[in-house]
């Protein structure tokens, strides 16, 4: 677990150090979108560090699109 923490800290340090100057000059809308993506990546990084079985993006996509996809397949199936 310690190695995972070190890897994530190094990655975020490099990422934020390169993007900080660009974010200061960018519009607020771009900054908010960037922060939203960072929050999602922090959630997924915490899941990675703790090796937890938390819901991730795949589960969100499955929850939203599974039922409509099944209905499309059912509609297109020829009997």
PDB file of N, CA and C in Angstrom:
ATOM      1  N   UNK A   1       0.833  -1.191   0.000  1.00  0.00           N
ATOM      2  CA  UNK A   1       0.000   0.000   0.000  1.00  0.00           C
ATOM      3  C   UNK A   1       0.878   1.254   0.000  1.00  0.00           C
ATOM      4  N   UNK A   2       2.001   1.188   0.676  1.00  0.00           N
ATOM      5  CA  UNK A   2       2.892   2.347   0.736  1.00  0.00           C
ATOM      6  C   UNK A   2       3.406   2.721  -0.651  1.00  0.00           C
ATOM      7  N   UNK A   3       3.705   1.711  -1.451  1.00  0.00           N
ATOM      8  CA  UNK A   3       4.191   1.984  -2.806  1.00  0.00           C
ATOM      9  C   UNK A   3       3.131   2.680  -3.640  1.00  0.00           C
ATOM     10  N   UNK A   4       1.893   2.274  -3.472  1.00  0.00           N
ATOM     11  CA  UNK A   4       0.799   2.889  -4.224  1.00  0.00           C
ATOM     12  C   UNK A   4       0.627   4.355  -3.845  1.00  0.00           C
ATOM     13  N   UNK A   5       0.774   4.656  -2.567  1.00  0.00           N
ATOM     14  CA  UNK A   5       0.664   6.046  -2.118  1.00  0.00           C
ATOM     15  C   UNK A   5       1.771   6.887  -2.742  1.00  0.00           C
ATOM     16  N   UNK A   6       2.982   6.370  -2.759  1.00  0.00           N
ATOM     17  CA  UNK A   6       4.106   7.096  -3.331  1.00  0.00           C
ATOM     18  C   UNK A   6       3.884   7.340  -4.829  1.00  0.00           C
ATOM     19  N   UNK A   7       3.426   6.324  -5.531  1.00  0.00           N
ATOM     20  CA  UNK A   7       3.181   6.464  -6.970  1.00  0.00           C
ATOM     21  C   UNK A   7       2.127   7.526  -7.243  1.00  0.00           C
ATOM     22  N   UNK A   8       1.027   7.484  -6.502  1.00  0.00           N
ATOM     23  CA  UNK A   8      -0.057   8.462  -6.711  1.00  0.00           C
ATOM     24  C   UNK A   8       0.417   9.874  -6.366  1.00  0.00           C
ATOM     25  N   UNK A   9       1.181  10.021  -5.287  1.00  0.00           N
ATOM     26  CA  UNK A   9       1.694  11.342  -4.929  1.00  0.00           C
ATOM     27  C   UNK A   9       2.640  11.888  -5.997  1.00  0.00           C
ATOM     28  N   UNK A  10       3.488  11.047  -6.534  1.00  0.00           N
ATOM     29  CA  UNK A  10       4.392  11.484  -7.602  1.00  0.00           C
ATOM     30  C   UNK A  10       3.600  11.905  -8.832  1.00  0.00           C
ATOM     31  N   UNK A  11       2.611  11.102  -9.211  1.00  0.00           N
ATOM     32  CA  UNK A  11       1.814  11.430 -10.392  1.00  0.00           C
ATOM     33  C   UNK A  11       1.063  12.748 -10.240  1.00  0.00           C
ATOM     34  N   UNK A  12       0.430  12.955  -9.082  1.00  0.00           N
ATOM     35  CA  UNK A  12      -0.315  14.198  -8.886  1.00  0.00           C
ATOM     36  C   UNK A  12       0.615  15.396  -8.770  1.00  0.00           C
ATOM     37  N   UNK A  13       1.783  15.211  -8.183  1.00  0.00           N
ATOM     38  CA  UNK A  13       2.748  16.305  -8.093  1.00  0.00           C
ATOM     39  C   UNK A  13       3.196  16.742  -9.477  1.00  0.00           C
ATOM     40  N   UNK A  14       3.535  15.786 -10.318  1.00  0.00           N
ATOM     41  CA  UNK A  14       3.952  16.116 -11.684  1.00  0.00           C
ATOM     42  C   UNK A  14       2.795  16.742 -12.465  1.00  0.00           C
ATOM     43  N   UNK A  15       1.624  16.157 -12.362  1.00  0.00           N
ATOM     44  CA  UNK A  15       0.457  16.655 -13.088  1.00  0.00           C
ATOM     45  C   UNK A  15       0.122  18.085 -12.704  1.00  0.00           C
ATOM     46  N   UNK A  16       0.015  18.328 -11.410  1.00  0.00           N
ATOM     47  CA  UNK A  16      -0.383  19.656 -10.957  1.00  0.00           C
ATOM     48  C   UNK A  16       0.716  20.691 -11.145  1.00  0.00           C
ATOM     49  N   UNK A  17       1.967  20.285 -11.068  1.00  0.00           N
ATOM     50  CA  UNK A  17       3.053  21.249 -11.268  1.00  0.00           C
ATOM     51  C   UNK A  17       3.096  21.743 -12.713  1.00  0.00           C
ATOM     52  N   UNK A  18       2.793  20.883 -13.667  1.00  0.00           N
ATOM     53  CA  UNK A  18       2.770  21.313 -15.061  1.00  0.00           C
ATOM     54  C   UNK A  18       1.505  22.099 -15.395  1.00  0.00           C
ATOM     55  N   UNK A  19       0.411  21.777 -14.786  1.00  0.00           N
ATOM     56  CA  UNK A  19      -0.861  22.403 -15.158  1.00  0.00           C
ATOM     57  C   UNK A  19      -1.182  23.661 -14.353  1.00  0.00           C
ATOM     58  N   UNK A  20      -0.487  23.914 -13.268  1.00  0.00           N
ATOM     59  CA  UNK A  20      -0.833  25.040 -12.402  1.00  0.00           C
ATOM     60  C   UNK A  20      -0.736  26.375 -13.133  1.00  0.00           C
ATOM     61  N   UNK A  21       0.339  26.580 -13.869  1.00  0.00           N
ATOM     62  CA  UNK A  21       0.503  27.864 -14.556  1.00  0.00           C
ATOM     63  C   UNK A  21      -0.548  28.037 -15.657  1.00  0.00           C
ATOM     64  N   UNK A  22      -0.897  26.970 -16.322  1.00  0.00           N
ATOM     65  CA  UNK A  22      -1.930  27.056 -17.356  1.00  0.00           C
ATOM     66  C   UNK A  22      -3.299  27.329 -16.746  1.00  0.00           C
ATOM     67  N   UNK A  23      -3.569  26.732 -15.596  1.00  0.00           N
ATOM     68  CA  UNK A  23      -4.870  26.939 -14.958  1.00  0.00           C
ATOM     69  C   UNK A  23      -5.027  28.366 -14.453  1.00  0.00           C
ATOM     70  N   UNK A  24      -3.945  28.980 -14.028  1.00  0.00           N
ATOM     71  CA  UNK A  24      -4.023  30.361 -13.554  1.00  0.00           C
ATOM     72  C   UNK A  24      -4.429  31.297 -14.684  1.00  0.00           C
ATOM     73  N   UNK A  25      -4.023  30.976 -15.901  1.00  0.00           N
ATOM     74  CA  UNK A  25      -4.302  31.837 -17.053  1.00  0.00           C
ATOM     75  C   UNK A  25      -5.611  31.490 -17.763  1.00  0.00           C
ATOM     76  N   UNK A  26      -6.180  30.355 -17.451  1.00  0.00           N
ATOM     77  CA  UNK A  26      -7.359  29.908 -18.184  1.00  0.00           C
ATOM     78  C   UNK A  26      -8.647  30.490 -17.600  1.00  0.00           C
ATOM     79  N   UNK A  27      -9.726  30.268 -18.337  1.00  0.00           N
ATOM     80  CA  UNK A  27     -11.039  30.731 -17.888  1.00  0.00           C
ATOM     81  C   UNK A  27     -11.508  29.906 -16.694  1.00  0.00           C
ATOM     82  N   UNK A  28     -12.456  30.460 -15.948  1.00  0.00           N
ATOM     83  CA  UNK A  28     -12.981  29.746 -14.782  1.00  0.00           C
ATOM     84  C   UNK A  28     -13.689  28.465 -15.173  1.00  0.00           C
ATOM     85  N   UNK A  29     -14.367  28.486 -16.296  1.00  0.00           N
ATOM     86  CA  UNK A  29     -15.091  27.299 -16.752  1.00  0.00           C
ATOM     87  C   UNK A  29     -14.124  26.141 -16.983  1.00  0.00           C
ATOM     88  N   UNK A  30     -13.008  26.423 -17.611  1.00  0.00           N
ATOM     89  CA  UNK A  30     -11.995  25.401 -17.862  1.00  0.00           C
ATOM     90  C   UNK A  30     -11.416  24.900 -16.542  1.00  0.00           C
ATOM     91  N   UNK A  31     -11.196  25.801 -15.622  1.00  0.00           N
ATOM     92  CA  UNK A  31     -10.661  25.422 -14.312  1.00  0.00           C
ATOM     93  C   UNK A  31     -11.628  24.519 -13.562  1.00  0.00           C
ATOM     94  N   UNK A  32     -12.911  24.818 -13.619  1.00  0.00           N
ATOM     95  CA  UNK A  32     -13.909  23.994 -12.943  1.00  0.00           C
ATOM     96  C   UNK A  32     -13.990  22.590 -13.555  1.00  0.00           C
ATOM     97  N   UNK A  33     -13.924  22.527 -14.860  1.00  0.00           N
ATOM     98  CA  UNK A  33     -13.932  21.215 -15.518  1.00  0.00           C
ATOM     99  C   UNK A  33     -12.700  20.419 -15.123  1.00  0.00           C
ATOM    100  N   UNK A  34     -11.552  21.086 -15.099  1.00  0.00           N
ATOM    101  CA  UNK A  34     -10.309  20.424 -14.698  1.00  0.00           C
ATOM    102  C   UNK A  34     -10.408  19.909 -13.258  1.00  0.00           C
ATOM    103  N   UNK A  35     -10.921  20.741 -12.367  1.00  0.00           N
ATOM    104  CA  UNK A  35     -11.063  20.329 -10.967  1.00  0.00           C
ATOM    105  C   UNK A  35     -12.049  19.174 -10.820  1.00  0.00           C
ATOM    106  N   UNK A  36     -13.111  19.181 -11.611  1.00  0.00           N
ATOM    107  CA  UNK A  36     -14.065  18.076 -11.588  1.00  0.00           C
ATOM    108  C   UNK A  36     -13.376  16.770 -11.982  1.00  0.00           C
ATOM    109  N   UNK A  37     -12.557  16.819 -13.024  1.00  0.00           N
ATOM    110  CA  UNK A  37     -11.828  15.621 -13.449  1.00  0.00           C
ATOM    111  C   UNK A  37     -10.798  15.188 -12.405  1.00  0.00           C
ATOM    112  N   UNK A  38     -10.180  16.145 -11.729  1.00  0.00           N
ATOM    113  CA  UNK A  38      -9.226  15.810 -10.672  1.00  0.00           C
ATOM    114  C   UNK A  38      -9.948  15.140  -9.504  1.00  0.00           C
ATOM    115  N   UNK A  39     -11.121  15.618  -9.157  1.00  0.00           N
ATOM    116  CA  UNK A  39     -11.882  14.999  -8.064  1.00  0.00           C
ATOM    117  C   UNK A  39     -12.243  13.555  -8.412  1.00  0.00           C
ATOM    118  N   UNK A  40     -12.662  13.317  -9.646  1.00  0.00           N
ATOM    119  CA  UNK A  40     -12.959  11.944 -10.070  1.00  0.00           C
ATOM    120  C   UNK A  40     -11.704  11.088  -9.998  1.00  0.00           C
ATOM    121  N   UNK A  41     -10.582  11.634 -10.462  1.00  0.00           N
ATOM    122  CA  UNK A  41      -9.352  10.849 -10.424  1.00  0.00           C
ATOM    123  C   UNK A  41      -8.872  10.619  -8.990  1.00  0.00           C
ATOM    124  N   UNK A  42      -9.133  11.557  -8.085  1.00  0.00           N
ATOM    125  CA  UNK A  42      -8.794  11.340  -6.675  1.00  0.00           C
ATOM    126  C   UNK A  42      -9.627  10.208  -6.078  1.00  0.00           C
ATOM    127  N   UNK A  43     -10.902  10.167  -6.425  1.00  0.00           N
ATOM    128  CA  UNK A  43     -11.750   9.076  -5.971  1.00  0.00           C
ATOM    129  C   UNK A  43     -11.214   7.731  -6.463  1.00  0.00           C
ATOM    130  N   UNK A  44     -10.888   7.666  -7.755  1.00  0.00           N
ATOM    131  CA  UNK A  44     -10.376   6.414  -8.316  1.00  0.00           C
ATOM    132  C   UNK A  44      -8.986   6.085  -7.772  1.00  0.00           C
ATOM    133  N   UNK A  45      -8.183   7.092  -7.476  1.00  0.00           N
ATOM    134  CA  UNK A  45      -6.861   6.852  -6.876  1.00  0.00           C
ATOM    135  C   UNK A  45      -6.997   6.303  -5.467  1.00  0.00           C
ATOM    136  N   UNK A  46      -7.944   6.831  -4.720  1.00  0.00           N
ATOM    137  CA  UNK A  46      -8.180   6.316  -3.371  1.00  0.00           C
ATOM    138  C   UNK A  46      -8.657   4.873  -3.433  1.00  0.00           C
ATOM    139  N   UNK A  47      -9.493   4.573  -4.391  1.00  0.00           N
ATOM    140  CA  UNK A  47      -9.933   3.193  -4.603  1.00  0.00           C
ATOM    141  C   UNK A  47      -8.736   2.301  -4.915  1.00  0.00           C
ATOM    142  N   UNK A  48      -7.819   2.797  -5.737  1.00  0.00           N
ATOM    143  CA  UNK A  48      -6.619   2.041  -6.094  1.00  0.00           C
ATOM    144  C   UNK A  48      -5.715   1.836  -4.879  1.00  0.00           C
ATOM    145  N   UNK A  49      -5.511   2.891  -4.097  1.00  0.00           N
ATOM    146  CA  UNK A  49      -4.617   2.805  -2.940  1.00  0.00           C
ATOM    147  C   UNK A  49      -5.161   1.832  -1.905  1.00  0.00           C
ATOM    148  N   UNK A  50      -6.431   1.936  -1.599  1.00  0.00           N
ATOM    149  CA  UNK A  50      -7.022   1.096  -0.565  1.00  0.00           C
ATOM    150  C   UNK A  50      -7.382  -0.294  -1.062  1.00  0.00           C
ATOM    151  N   UNK A  51      -7.300  -0.491  -2.369  1.00  0.00           N
ATOM    152  CA  UNK A  51      -7.683  -1.748  -3.003  1.00  0.00           C
ATOM    153  C   UNK A  51      -9.110  -2.125  -2.601  1.00  0.00           C
ATOM    154  N   UNK A  52      -9.960  -1.091  -2.593  1.00  0.00           N
ATOM    155  CA  UNK A  52     -11.358  -1.272  -2.209  1.00  0.00           C
ATOM    156  C   UNK A  52     -12.174  -1.652  -3.435  1.00  0.00           C
ATOM    157  N   UNK A  53     -13.353  -2.120  -3.185  1.00  0.00           N
ATOM    158  CA  UNK A  53     -14.247  -2.489  -4.273  1.00  0.00           C
ATOM    159  C   UNK A  53     -15.361  -1.447  -4.379  1.00  0.00           C
ATOM    160  N   UNK A  54     -14.955  -0.192  -4.528  1.00  0.00           N
ATOM    161  CA  UNK A  54     -15.914   0.898  -4.644  1.00  0.00           C
ATOM    162  C   UNK A  54     -16.465   0.957  -6.059  1.00  0.00           C
ATOM    163  N   UNK A  55     -17.627   1.561  -6.231  1.00  0.00           N
ATOM    164  CA  UNK A  55     -18.140   1.720  -7.598  1.00  0.00           C
ATOM    165  C   UNK A  55     -17.206   2.625  -8.400  1.00  0.00           C
ATOM    166  N   UNK A  56     -16.995   2.273  -9.652  1.00  0.00           N
ATOM    167  CA  UNK A  56     -16.147   3.096 -10.503  1.00  0.00           C
ATOM    168  C   UNK A  56     -16.919   3.507 -11.747  1.00  0.00           C
ATOM    169  N   UNK A  57     -16.226   4.075 -12.711  1.00  0.00           N
ATOM    170  CA  UNK A  57     -16.902   4.619 -13.893  1.00  0.00           C
ATOM    171  C   UNK A  57     -17.602   3.543 -14.699  1.00  0.00           C
ATOM    172  N   UNK A  58     -17.037   2.357 -14.721  1.00  0.00           N
ATOM    173  CA  UNK A  58     -17.667   1.247 -15.447  1.00  0.00           C
ATOM    174  C   UNK A  58     -19.039   0.930 -14.852  1.00  0.00           C
ATOM    175  N   UNK A  59     -19.145   0.952 -13.542  1.00  0.00           N
ATOM    176  CA  UNK A  59     -20.420   0.684 -12.885  1.00  0.00           C
ATOM    177  C   UNK A  59     -21.439   1.779 -13.182  1.00  0.00           C
ATOM    178  N   UNK A  60     -20.986   3.011 -13.260  1.00  0.00           N
ATOM    179  CA  UNK A  60     -21.890   4.114 -13.595  1.00  0.00           C
ATOM    180  C   UNK A  60     -22.438   3.959 -15.010  1.00  0.00           C
ATOM    181  N   UNK A  61     -21.566   3.654 -15.953  1.00  0.00           N
ATOM    182  CA  UNK A  61     -22.002   3.463 -17.340  1.00  0.00           C
ATOM    183  C   UNK A  61     -22.955   2.289 -17.436  1.00  0.00           C
ATOM    184  N   UNK A  62     -22.658   1.211 -16.732  1.00  0.00           N
ATOM    185  CA  UNK A  62     -23.525   0.036 -16.754  1.00  0.00           C
ATOM    186  C   UNK A  62     -24.900   0.367 -16.182  1.00  0.00           C
ATOM    187  N   UNK A  63     -24.939   1.138 -15.106  1.00  0.00           N
ATOM    188  CA  UNK A  63     -26.218   1.482 -14.486  1.00  0.00           C
ATOM    189  C   UNK A  63     -27.073   2.350 -15.409  1.00  0.00           C
ATOM    190  N   UNK A  64     -26.428   3.225 -16.169  1.00  0.00           N
ATOM    191  CA  UNK A  64     -27.171   4.141 -17.032  1.00  0.00           C
ATOM    192  C   UNK A  64     -27.607   3.479 -18.337  1.00  0.00           C
ATOM    193  N   UNK A  65     -26.723   2.684 -18.945  1.00  0.00           N
ATOM    194  CA  UNK A  65     -26.972   2.207 -20.299  1.00  0.00           C
ATOM    195  C   UNK A  65     -27.347   0.736 -20.425  1.00  0.00           C
ATOM    196  N   UNK A  66     -27.329  -0.021 -19.358  1.00  0.00           N
ATOM    197  CA  UNK A  66     -27.580  -1.455 -19.474  1.00  0.00           C
ATOM    198  C   UNK A  66     -29.006  -1.745 -19.932  1.00  0.00           C
ATOM    199  N   UNK A  67     -29.982  -1.159 -19.290  1.00  0.00           N
ATOM    200  CA  UNK A  67     -31.379  -1.428 -19.629  1.00  0.00           C
ATOM    201  C   UNK A  67     -31.716  -0.994 -21.065  1.00  0.00           C
ATOM    202  N   UNK A  68     -31.346   0.222 -21.491  1.00  0.00           N
ATOM    203  CA  UNK A  68     -31.630   0.580 -22.882  1.00  0.00           C
ATOM    204  C   UNK A  68     -30.906  -0.327 -23.886  1.00  0.00           C
ATOM    205  N   UNK A  69     -29.686  -0.734 -23.563  1.00  0.00           N
ATOM    206  CA  UNK A  69     -28.956  -1.623 -24.477  1.00  0.00           C
ATOM    207  C   UNK A  69     -29.645  -2.972 -24.586  1.00  0.00           C
ATOM    208  N   UNK A  70     -30.133  -3.491 -23.470  1.00  0.00           N
ATOM    209  CA  UNK A  70     -30.868  -4.763 -23.505  1.00  0.00           C
ATOM    210  C   UNK A  70     -32.146  -4.629 -24.325  1.00  0.00           C
ATOM    211  N   UNK A  71     -32.826  -3.492 -24.218  1.00  0.00           N
ATOM    212  CA  UNK A  71     -34.040  -3.275 -24.985  1.00  0.00           C
ATOM    213  C   UNK A  71     -33.749  -3.196 -26.484  1.00  0.00           C
ATOM    214  N   UNK A  72     -32.642  -2.570 -26.848  1.00  0.00           N
ATOM    215  CA  UNK A  72     -32.265  -2.492 -28.266  1.00  0.00           C
ATOM    216  C   UNK A  72     -31.955  -3.876 -28.805  1.00  0.00           C
ATOM    217  N   UNK A  73     -31.204  -4.665 -28.050  1.00  0.00           N
ATOM    218  CA  UNK A  73     -30.869  -6.020 -28.487  1.00  0.00           C
ATOM    219  C   UNK A  73     -32.119  -6.861 -28.601  1.00  0.00           C
ATOM    220  N   UNK A  74     -33.041  -6.744 -27.652  1.00  0.00           N
ATOM    221  CA  UNK A  74     -34.297  -7.485 -27.686  1.00  0.00           C
ATOM    222  C   UNK A  74     -35.126  -7.079 -28.902  1.00  0.00           C
ATOM    223  N   UNK A  75     -35.165  -5.800 -29.223  1.00  0.00           N
ATOM    224  CA  UNK A  75     -35.926  -5.311 -30.368  1.00  0.00           C
ATOM    225  C   UNK A  75     -35.356  -5.827 -31.686  1.00  0.00           C
ATOM    226  N   UNK A  76     -34.034  -5.923 -31.769  1.00  0.00           N
ATOM    227  CA  UNK A  76     -33.394  -6.310 -33.017  1.00  0.00           C
ATOM    228  C   UNK A  76     -33.254  -7.823 -33.186  1.00  0.00           C
ATOM    229  N   UNK A  77     -33.598  -8.590 -32.163  1.00  0.00           N
ATOM    230  CA  UNK A  77     -33.471 -10.036 -32.244  1.00  0.00           C
ATOM    231  C   UNK A  77     -34.620 -10.592 -33.086  1.00  0.00           C
ATOM    232  N   UNK A  78     -34.249 -11.413 -34.057  1.00  0.00           N
ATOM    233  CA  UNK A  78     -35.242 -12.052 -34.939  1.00  0.00           C
ATOM    234  C   UNK A  78     -35.505 -13.463 -34.445  1.00  0.00           C
ATOM    235  N   UNK A  79     -36.764 -13.773 -34.277  1.00  0.00           N
ATOM    236  CA  UNK A  79     -37.124 -15.118 -33.799  1.00  0.00           C
ATOM    237  C   UNK A  79     -37.711 -15.942 -34.897  1.00  0.00           C
TER     238      UNK A  79
END
